[in-house]
């Protein structure tokens, strides 16, 4: 069955939310996370050894932890989206690289971390557009030098 224009628009907007998440985490522009999550969101990074907490707690944790890797890039794949009126369950594959430098380094450099898994979002339509009310990171693999 063909998708309606509204569903196509919603899918595009959710893709933009996921892209803003990756940009915020990789660039350290933590204020962008306010355009990704609702104020009452919970974020669960426990499968990767991180915290489970509020948006404010997660922003603080990310801001303290990620500067150790100035070279960061998250690639988020095409999401699977199941809509239920103004709610959506969103699952998207990801891979990430955390590098101890933004310069060219050898693949066996100490501190280089690579991994992948799934981001599971529970999204809601808000007055400001689609936002994630809950994020659960499901870490499937991780390599570290």
N, C-alpha and C. Protein backbone atom coordinates (compact mmCIF):
# COMPACT_ATOMS: atom_id res chain seq x y z
N UNK A 1 0.84 -1.18 0.00
CA UNK A 1 0.00 0.00 0.00
C UNK A 1 0.89 1.25 0.00
N UNK A 2 0.64 2.20 -0.87
CA UNK A 2 1.46 3.41 -0.93
C UNK A 2 1.34 4.23 0.36
N UNK A 3 2.42 4.92 0.69
CA UNK A 3 2.41 5.78 1.87
C UNK A 3 1.74 7.09 1.53
N UNK A 4 1.03 7.63 2.52
CA UNK A 4 0.38 8.94 2.35
C UNK A 4 1.44 10.04 2.39
N UNK A 5 1.11 11.21 1.87
CA UNK A 5 2.05 12.33 1.97
C UNK A 5 2.40 12.66 3.43
N UNK A 6 1.46 12.52 4.34
CA UNK A 6 1.73 12.79 5.75
C UNK A 6 2.74 11.79 6.30
N UNK A 7 2.56 10.51 5.99
CA UNK A 7 3.51 9.50 6.48
C UNK A 7 4.89 9.71 5.87
N UNK A 8 4.96 10.05 4.61
CA UNK A 8 6.26 10.34 3.98
C UNK A 8 6.94 11.51 4.68
N UNK A 9 6.17 12.56 4.96
CA UNK A 9 6.71 13.73 5.65
C UNK A 9 7.19 13.35 7.05
N UNK A 10 6.39 12.55 7.77
CA UNK A 10 6.78 12.12 9.12
C UNK A 10 8.07 11.30 9.07
N UNK A 11 8.19 10.41 8.12
CA UNK A 11 9.40 9.59 8.00
C UNK A 11 10.62 10.47 7.71
N UNK A 12 10.47 11.44 6.84
CA UNK A 12 11.57 12.35 6.53
C UNK A 12 11.97 13.13 7.78
N UNK A 13 10.98 13.64 8.51
CA UNK A 13 11.27 14.42 9.71
C UNK A 13 11.97 13.58 10.77
N UNK A 14 11.54 12.34 10.95
CA UNK A 14 12.20 11.45 11.92
C UNK A 14 13.65 11.20 11.50
N UNK A 15 13.89 11.04 10.20
CA UNK A 15 15.26 10.90 9.71
C UNK A 15 16.11 12.11 10.05
N UNK A 16 15.53 13.30 9.97
CA UNK A 16 16.24 14.53 10.35
C UNK A 16 16.55 14.54 11.85
N UNK A 17 15.63 14.05 12.67
CA UNK A 17 15.88 13.97 14.12
C UNK A 17 17.08 13.07 14.39
N UNK A 18 17.13 11.93 13.72
CA UNK A 18 18.26 11.00 13.90
C UNK A 18 19.56 11.64 13.43
N UNK A 19 19.51 12.38 12.34
CA UNK A 19 20.72 13.06 11.85
C UNK A 19 21.18 14.13 12.83
N UNK A 20 20.24 14.86 13.44
CA UNK A 20 20.62 15.88 14.44
C UNK A 20 21.27 15.22 15.66
N UNK A 21 20.78 14.04 16.03
CA UNK A 21 21.39 13.33 17.16
C UNK A 21 22.87 13.04 16.85
N UNK A 22 23.13 12.47 15.67
CA UNK A 22 24.50 12.13 15.30
C UNK A 22 25.38 13.39 15.25
N UNK A 23 24.86 14.46 14.68
CA UNK A 23 25.63 15.71 14.61
C UNK A 23 25.93 16.25 16.01
N UNK A 24 24.94 16.22 16.89
CA UNK A 24 25.14 16.72 18.26
C UNK A 24 26.23 15.94 18.97
N UNK A 25 26.16 14.62 18.90
CA UNK A 25 27.12 13.77 19.61
C UNK A 25 28.51 13.91 18.99
N UNK A 26 28.59 13.95 17.68
CA UNK A 26 29.90 13.99 17.02
C UNK A 26 30.57 15.37 17.09
N UNK A 27 29.77 16.42 17.15
CA UNK A 27 30.34 17.78 17.15
C UNK A 27 30.45 18.37 18.55
N UNK A 28 29.80 17.75 19.52
CA UNK A 28 29.78 18.32 20.86
C UNK A 28 28.82 19.49 21.00
N UNK A 29 27.91 19.62 20.07
CA UNK A 29 26.89 20.68 20.14
C UNK A 29 25.70 20.14 20.94
N UNK A 30 25.88 20.07 22.24
CA UNK A 30 24.92 19.40 23.12
C UNK A 30 23.54 20.05 23.09
N UNK A 31 23.47 21.36 22.80
CA UNK A 31 22.18 22.03 22.74
C UNK A 31 21.29 21.47 21.64
N UNK A 32 21.88 20.88 20.60
CA UNK A 32 21.08 20.25 19.55
C UNK A 32 20.25 19.09 20.08
N UNK A 33 20.71 18.46 21.16
CA UNK A 33 19.95 17.35 21.73
C UNK A 33 18.58 17.81 22.22
N UNK A 34 18.44 19.10 22.51
CA UNK A 34 17.13 19.63 22.90
C UNK A 34 16.14 19.60 21.74
N UNK A 35 16.64 19.48 20.49
CA UNK A 35 15.77 19.36 19.32
C UNK A 35 15.56 17.91 18.91
N UNK A 36 16.17 17.00 19.66
CA UNK A 36 16.03 15.57 19.40
C UNK A 36 15.10 14.93 20.41
N UNK A 37 15.20 15.36 21.67
CA UNK A 37 14.49 14.71 22.78
C UNK A 37 13.46 15.64 23.41
N UNK A 38 12.44 15.03 24.01
CA UNK A 38 11.50 15.79 24.84
C UNK A 38 12.19 16.13 26.15
N UNK A 39 11.67 17.12 26.86
CA UNK A 39 12.27 17.53 28.13
C UNK A 39 12.27 16.40 29.16
N UNK A 40 11.27 15.52 29.08
CA UNK A 40 11.14 14.43 30.06
C UNK A 40 11.73 13.11 29.55
N UNK A 41 12.55 13.17 28.52
CA UNK A 41 13.10 11.95 27.92
C UNK A 41 14.02 11.20 28.88
N UNK A 42 14.08 9.89 28.67
CA UNK A 42 15.07 9.05 29.35
C UNK A 42 15.99 8.46 28.28
N UNK A 43 17.28 8.42 28.59
CA UNK A 43 18.28 7.89 27.67
C UNK A 43 19.03 6.77 28.37
N UNK A 44 19.15 5.64 27.71
CA UNK A 44 19.75 4.45 28.30
C UNK A 44 20.95 4.02 27.45
N UNK A 45 22.14 4.29 27.97
CA UNK A 45 23.39 3.89 27.31
C UNK A 45 24.05 2.72 28.04
N UNK A 46 23.31 2.03 28.88
CA UNK A 46 23.90 1.01 29.76
C UNK A 46 24.52 -0.16 29.01
N UNK A 47 24.01 -0.51 27.83
CA UNK A 47 24.60 -1.64 27.11
C UNK A 47 26.01 -1.33 26.61
N UNK A 48 26.38 -0.03 26.59
CA UNK A 48 27.72 0.38 26.18
C UNK A 48 28.54 0.81 27.39
N UNK A 49 28.05 0.50 28.60
CA UNK A 49 28.77 0.86 29.81
C UNK A 49 28.48 2.26 30.30
N UNK A 50 27.45 2.89 29.74
CA UNK A 50 27.12 4.26 30.10
C UNK A 50 26.00 4.35 31.11
N UNK A 51 25.42 5.53 31.17
CA UNK A 51 24.39 5.82 32.16
C UNK A 51 23.00 5.58 31.60
N UNK A 52 22.05 5.55 32.49
CA UNK A 52 20.63 5.67 32.17
C UNK A 52 20.15 6.87 32.97
N UNK A 53 19.55 7.84 32.29
CA UNK A 53 19.12 9.02 33.01
C UNK A 53 18.30 9.96 32.17
N UNK A 54 18.08 11.13 32.73
CA UNK A 54 17.32 12.19 32.06
C UNK A 54 18.15 12.79 30.93
N UNK A 55 17.51 13.64 30.15
CA UNK A 55 18.23 14.35 29.09
C UNK A 55 19.37 15.18 29.66
N UNK A 56 19.10 15.91 30.74
CA UNK A 56 20.15 16.74 31.35
C UNK A 56 21.31 15.88 31.85
N UNK A 57 21.00 14.74 32.47
CA UNK A 57 22.07 13.86 32.96
C UNK A 57 22.86 13.27 31.80
N UNK A 58 22.17 12.90 30.73
CA UNK A 58 22.86 12.33 29.57
C UNK A 58 23.74 13.36 28.89
N UNK A 59 23.25 14.60 28.75
CA UNK A 59 24.07 15.66 28.15
C UNK A 59 25.33 15.89 28.97
N UNK A 60 25.19 15.92 30.27
CA UNK A 60 26.34 16.12 31.15
C UNK A 60 27.33 14.97 31.01
N UNK A 61 26.83 13.74 30.99
CA UNK A 61 27.69 12.56 30.87
C UNK A 61 28.41 12.56 29.52
N UNK A 62 27.68 12.81 28.44
CA UNK A 62 28.30 12.85 27.11
C UNK A 62 29.37 13.94 27.03
N UNK A 63 29.07 15.11 27.60
CA UNK A 63 30.02 16.23 27.56
C UNK A 63 31.29 15.93 28.35
N UNK A 64 31.20 15.09 29.35
CA UNK A 64 32.38 14.72 30.14
C UNK A 64 33.14 13.56 29.51
N UNK A 65 32.43 12.61 28.90
CA UNK A 65 33.05 11.40 28.40
C UNK A 65 33.64 11.55 26.99
N UNK A 66 32.92 12.18 26.08
CA UNK A 66 33.32 12.15 24.67
C UNK A 66 34.51 13.02 24.28
N UNK A 67 34.87 14.07 25.00
CA UNK A 67 36.05 14.84 24.60
C UNK A 67 37.35 14.04 24.58
N UNK A 68 37.38 12.88 25.21
CA UNK A 68 38.57 12.01 25.12
C UNK A 68 38.80 11.52 23.70
N UNK A 69 37.76 11.60 22.87
CA UNK A 69 37.83 11.17 21.48
C UNK A 69 37.42 12.35 20.59
N UNK A 70 38.36 13.23 20.26
CA UNK A 70 38.00 14.39 19.43
C UNK A 70 37.57 14.02 18.01
N UNK A 71 37.98 12.86 17.53
CA UNK A 71 37.54 12.38 16.22
C UNK A 71 36.39 11.42 16.44
N UNK A 72 35.16 11.88 16.17
CA UNK A 72 33.97 11.05 16.40
C UNK A 72 33.09 11.07 15.16
N UNK A 73 32.54 9.91 14.83
CA UNK A 73 31.56 9.87 13.75
C UNK A 73 30.60 8.71 13.97
N UNK A 74 29.32 9.06 13.98
CA UNK A 74 28.24 8.07 14.06
C UNK A 74 27.55 8.03 12.70
N UNK A 75 27.37 6.85 12.20
CA UNK A 75 26.61 6.67 10.97
C UNK A 75 25.34 5.92 11.34
N UNK A 76 24.20 6.53 11.05
CA UNK A 76 22.91 5.93 11.39
C UNK A 76 22.26 5.49 10.10
N UNK A 77 21.90 4.20 10.06
CA UNK A 77 21.30 3.64 8.86
C UNK A 77 19.81 3.91 8.77
N UNK A 78 19.20 3.42 7.71
CA UNK A 78 17.77 3.67 7.50
C UNK A 78 16.94 3.11 8.66
N UNK A 79 16.07 3.95 9.22
CA UNK A 79 15.28 3.50 10.35
C UNK A 79 14.07 2.66 9.94
N UNK A 80 13.70 1.74 10.81
CA UNK A 80 12.42 1.05 10.72
C UNK A 80 11.48 1.82 11.63
N UNK A 81 10.32 2.22 11.11
CA UNK A 81 9.41 3.08 11.87
C UNK A 81 8.03 2.45 11.87
N UNK A 82 7.48 2.28 13.08
CA UNK A 82 6.10 1.80 13.23
C UNK A 82 5.30 2.92 13.89
N UNK A 83 4.33 3.47 13.15
CA UNK A 83 3.52 4.58 13.64
C UNK A 83 2.28 4.08 14.37
N UNK A 84 1.91 4.82 15.40
CA UNK A 84 0.65 4.62 16.11
C UNK A 84 0.13 6.01 16.45
N UNK A 85 -0.65 6.58 15.53
CA UNK A 85 -1.14 7.96 15.64
C UNK A 85 0.03 8.93 15.78
N UNK A 86 0.13 9.61 16.93
CA UNK A 86 1.19 10.60 17.14
C UNK A 86 2.37 10.03 17.90
N UNK A 87 2.55 8.72 17.79
CA UNK A 87 3.69 8.03 18.40
C UNK A 87 4.35 7.17 17.34
N UNK A 88 5.63 6.89 17.57
CA UNK A 88 6.36 6.04 16.63
C UNK A 88 7.45 5.27 17.38
N UNK A 89 7.53 3.99 17.09
CA UNK A 89 8.65 3.17 17.55
C UNK A 89 9.66 3.17 16.42
N UNK A 90 10.88 3.62 16.71
CA UNK A 90 11.90 3.79 15.68
C UNK A 90 13.13 2.97 16.07
N UNK A 91 13.58 2.12 15.16
CA UNK A 91 14.80 1.35 15.36
C UNK A 91 15.72 1.61 14.18
N UNK A 92 16.95 2.05 14.50
CA UNK A 92 17.90 2.38 13.43
C UNK A 92 19.26 1.76 13.75
N UNK A 93 19.88 1.12 12.76
CA UNK A 93 21.23 0.60 12.98
C UNK A 93 22.23 1.74 13.02
N UNK A 94 23.32 1.53 13.75
CA UNK A 94 24.37 2.54 13.77
C UNK A 94 25.73 1.86 13.81
N UNK A 95 26.72 2.60 13.34
CA UNK A 95 28.11 2.25 13.60
C UNK A 95 28.79 3.55 14.01
N UNK A 96 29.80 3.41 14.84
CA UNK A 96 30.50 4.61 15.30
C UNK A 96 31.98 4.35 15.39
N UNK A 97 32.72 5.42 15.27
CA UNK A 97 34.17 5.41 15.46
C UNK A 97 34.51 6.54 16.40
N UNK A 98 35.29 6.24 17.41
CA UNK A 98 35.79 7.23 18.36
C UNK A 98 37.31 7.19 18.26
N UNK A 99 37.89 8.30 17.83
CA UNK A 99 39.34 8.34 17.61
C UNK A 99 39.99 9.33 18.57
N UNK A 100 41.20 9.01 19.05
CA UNK A 100 41.88 9.89 19.99
C UNK A 100 42.45 11.15 19.35
N UNK A 101 42.27 11.31 18.05
CA UNK A 101 42.79 12.46 17.33
C UNK A 101 41.94 12.70 16.09
N UNK A 102 41.92 13.95 15.62
CA UNK A 102 41.25 14.24 14.36
C UNK A 102 42.24 14.15 13.20
N UNK A 103 43.52 13.89 13.51
CA UNK A 103 44.53 13.73 12.49
C UNK A 103 44.51 12.29 11.98
N UNK A 104 45.20 12.05 10.88
CA UNK A 104 45.33 10.69 10.36
C UNK A 104 46.12 9.85 11.36
N UNK A 105 45.56 8.70 11.70
CA UNK A 105 46.23 7.80 12.65
C UNK A 105 46.21 6.39 12.08
N UNK A 106 47.09 5.57 12.63
CA UNK A 106 47.13 4.16 12.23
C UNK A 106 45.92 3.43 12.83
N UNK A 107 45.46 2.38 12.16
CA UNK A 107 44.31 1.62 12.62
C UNK A 107 44.57 0.93 13.95
N UNK A 108 45.84 0.75 14.32
CA UNK A 108 46.15 0.10 15.60
C UNK A 108 46.51 1.10 16.69
N UNK A 109 46.15 2.37 16.49
CA UNK A 109 46.46 3.41 17.47
C UNK A 109 45.71 3.17 18.77
N UNK A 110 46.43 3.29 19.88
CA UNK A 110 45.81 3.14 21.19
C UNK A 110 44.71 4.19 21.36
N UNK A 111 43.56 3.75 21.85
CA UNK A 111 42.45 4.65 22.09
C UNK A 111 41.42 4.68 20.98
N UNK A 112 41.67 4.01 19.87
CA UNK A 112 40.70 3.95 18.77
C UNK A 112 39.61 2.95 19.14
N UNK A 113 38.36 3.38 19.04
CA UNK A 113 37.22 2.55 19.41
C UNK A 113 36.23 2.55 18.25
N UNK A 114 35.75 1.37 17.91
CA UNK A 114 34.73 1.25 16.87
C UNK A 114 33.65 0.31 17.35
N UNK A 115 32.43 0.54 16.92
CA UNK A 115 31.34 -0.32 17.36
C UNK A 115 30.10 -0.14 16.51
N UNK A 116 29.08 -0.85 16.93
CA UNK A 116 27.82 -0.76 16.21
C UNK A 116 26.70 -1.42 16.98
N UNK A 117 25.50 -1.18 16.51
CA UNK A 117 24.33 -1.75 17.15
C UNK A 117 23.07 -1.10 16.64
N UNK A 118 22.13 -0.91 17.57
CA UNK A 118 20.82 -0.36 17.24
C UNK A 118 20.48 0.78 18.19
N UNK A 119 19.87 1.81 17.66
CA UNK A 119 19.23 2.83 18.47
C UNK A 119 17.73 2.55 18.43
N UNK A 120 17.12 2.46 19.61
CA UNK A 120 15.68 2.26 19.72
C UNK A 120 15.09 3.54 20.33
N UNK A 121 14.26 4.22 19.59
CA UNK A 121 13.62 5.45 20.06
C UNK A 121 12.12 5.23 20.18
N UNK A 122 11.55 5.79 21.22
CA UNK A 122 10.10 5.93 21.34
C UNK A 122 9.82 7.40 21.09
N UNK A 123 9.29 7.71 19.91
CA UNK A 123 9.10 9.11 19.51
C UNK A 123 7.64 9.53 19.63
N UNK A 124 7.47 10.83 19.80
CA UNK A 124 6.14 11.43 19.88
C UNK A 124 6.13 12.69 19.03
N UNK A 125 4.94 12.97 18.49
CA UNK A 125 4.76 14.22 17.74
C UNK A 125 4.48 15.32 18.77
N UNK A 126 5.27 16.38 18.72
CA UNK A 126 5.09 17.51 19.63
C UNK A 126 4.77 18.76 18.81
N UNK A 127 4.50 19.85 19.49
CA UNK A 127 4.26 21.12 18.80
C UNK A 127 5.49 21.54 17.99
N UNK A 128 6.68 21.10 18.43
CA UNK A 128 7.91 21.42 17.72
C UNK A 128 8.35 20.36 16.73
N UNK A 129 7.50 19.37 16.48
CA UNK A 129 7.83 18.28 15.56
C UNK A 129 8.10 16.99 16.31
N UNK A 130 8.58 15.99 15.61
CA UNK A 130 8.86 14.70 16.22
C UNK A 130 10.04 14.81 17.17
N UNK A 131 9.92 14.18 18.34
CA UNK A 131 10.98 14.15 19.35
C UNK A 131 11.00 12.76 19.97
N UNK A 132 12.15 12.38 20.46
CA UNK A 132 12.32 11.10 21.14
C UNK A 132 12.02 11.27 22.63
N UNK A 133 11.12 10.45 23.14
CA UNK A 133 10.81 10.46 24.56
C UNK A 133 11.67 9.45 25.30
N UNK A 134 12.20 8.47 24.57
CA UNK A 134 13.06 7.46 25.18
C UNK A 134 14.02 6.92 24.14
N UNK A 135 15.26 6.78 24.55
CA UNK A 135 16.30 6.17 23.71
C UNK A 135 16.92 5.02 24.48
N UNK A 136 17.03 3.88 23.81
CA UNK A 136 17.79 2.76 24.35
C UNK A 136 18.83 2.40 23.30
N UNK A 137 20.10 2.50 23.66
CA UNK A 137 21.18 2.08 22.78
C UNK A 137 21.40 0.59 23.01
N UNK A 138 21.39 -0.19 21.94
CA UNK A 138 21.67 -1.62 22.03
C UNK A 138 23.02 -1.86 21.35
N UNK A 139 24.06 -1.95 22.16
CA UNK A 139 25.41 -2.17 21.64
C UNK A 139 25.55 -3.64 21.24
N UNK A 140 25.88 -3.90 19.97
CA UNK A 140 26.04 -5.27 19.50
C UNK A 140 27.49 -5.70 19.44
N UNK A 141 28.37 -4.76 19.16
CA UNK A 141 29.80 -5.10 19.07
C UNK A 141 30.63 -3.87 19.34
N UNK A 142 31.86 -4.10 19.77
CA UNK A 142 32.78 -2.99 20.08
C UNK A 142 34.19 -3.53 19.97
N UNK A 143 35.07 -2.80 19.31
CA UNK A 143 36.49 -3.12 19.30
C UNK A 143 37.24 -1.92 19.84
N UNK A 144 38.32 -2.19 20.58
CA UNK A 144 39.11 -1.11 21.16
C UNK A 144 40.58 -1.46 21.02
N UNK A 145 41.36 -0.43 20.76
CA UNK A 145 42.82 -0.59 20.70
C UNK A 145 43.41 -0.16 22.02
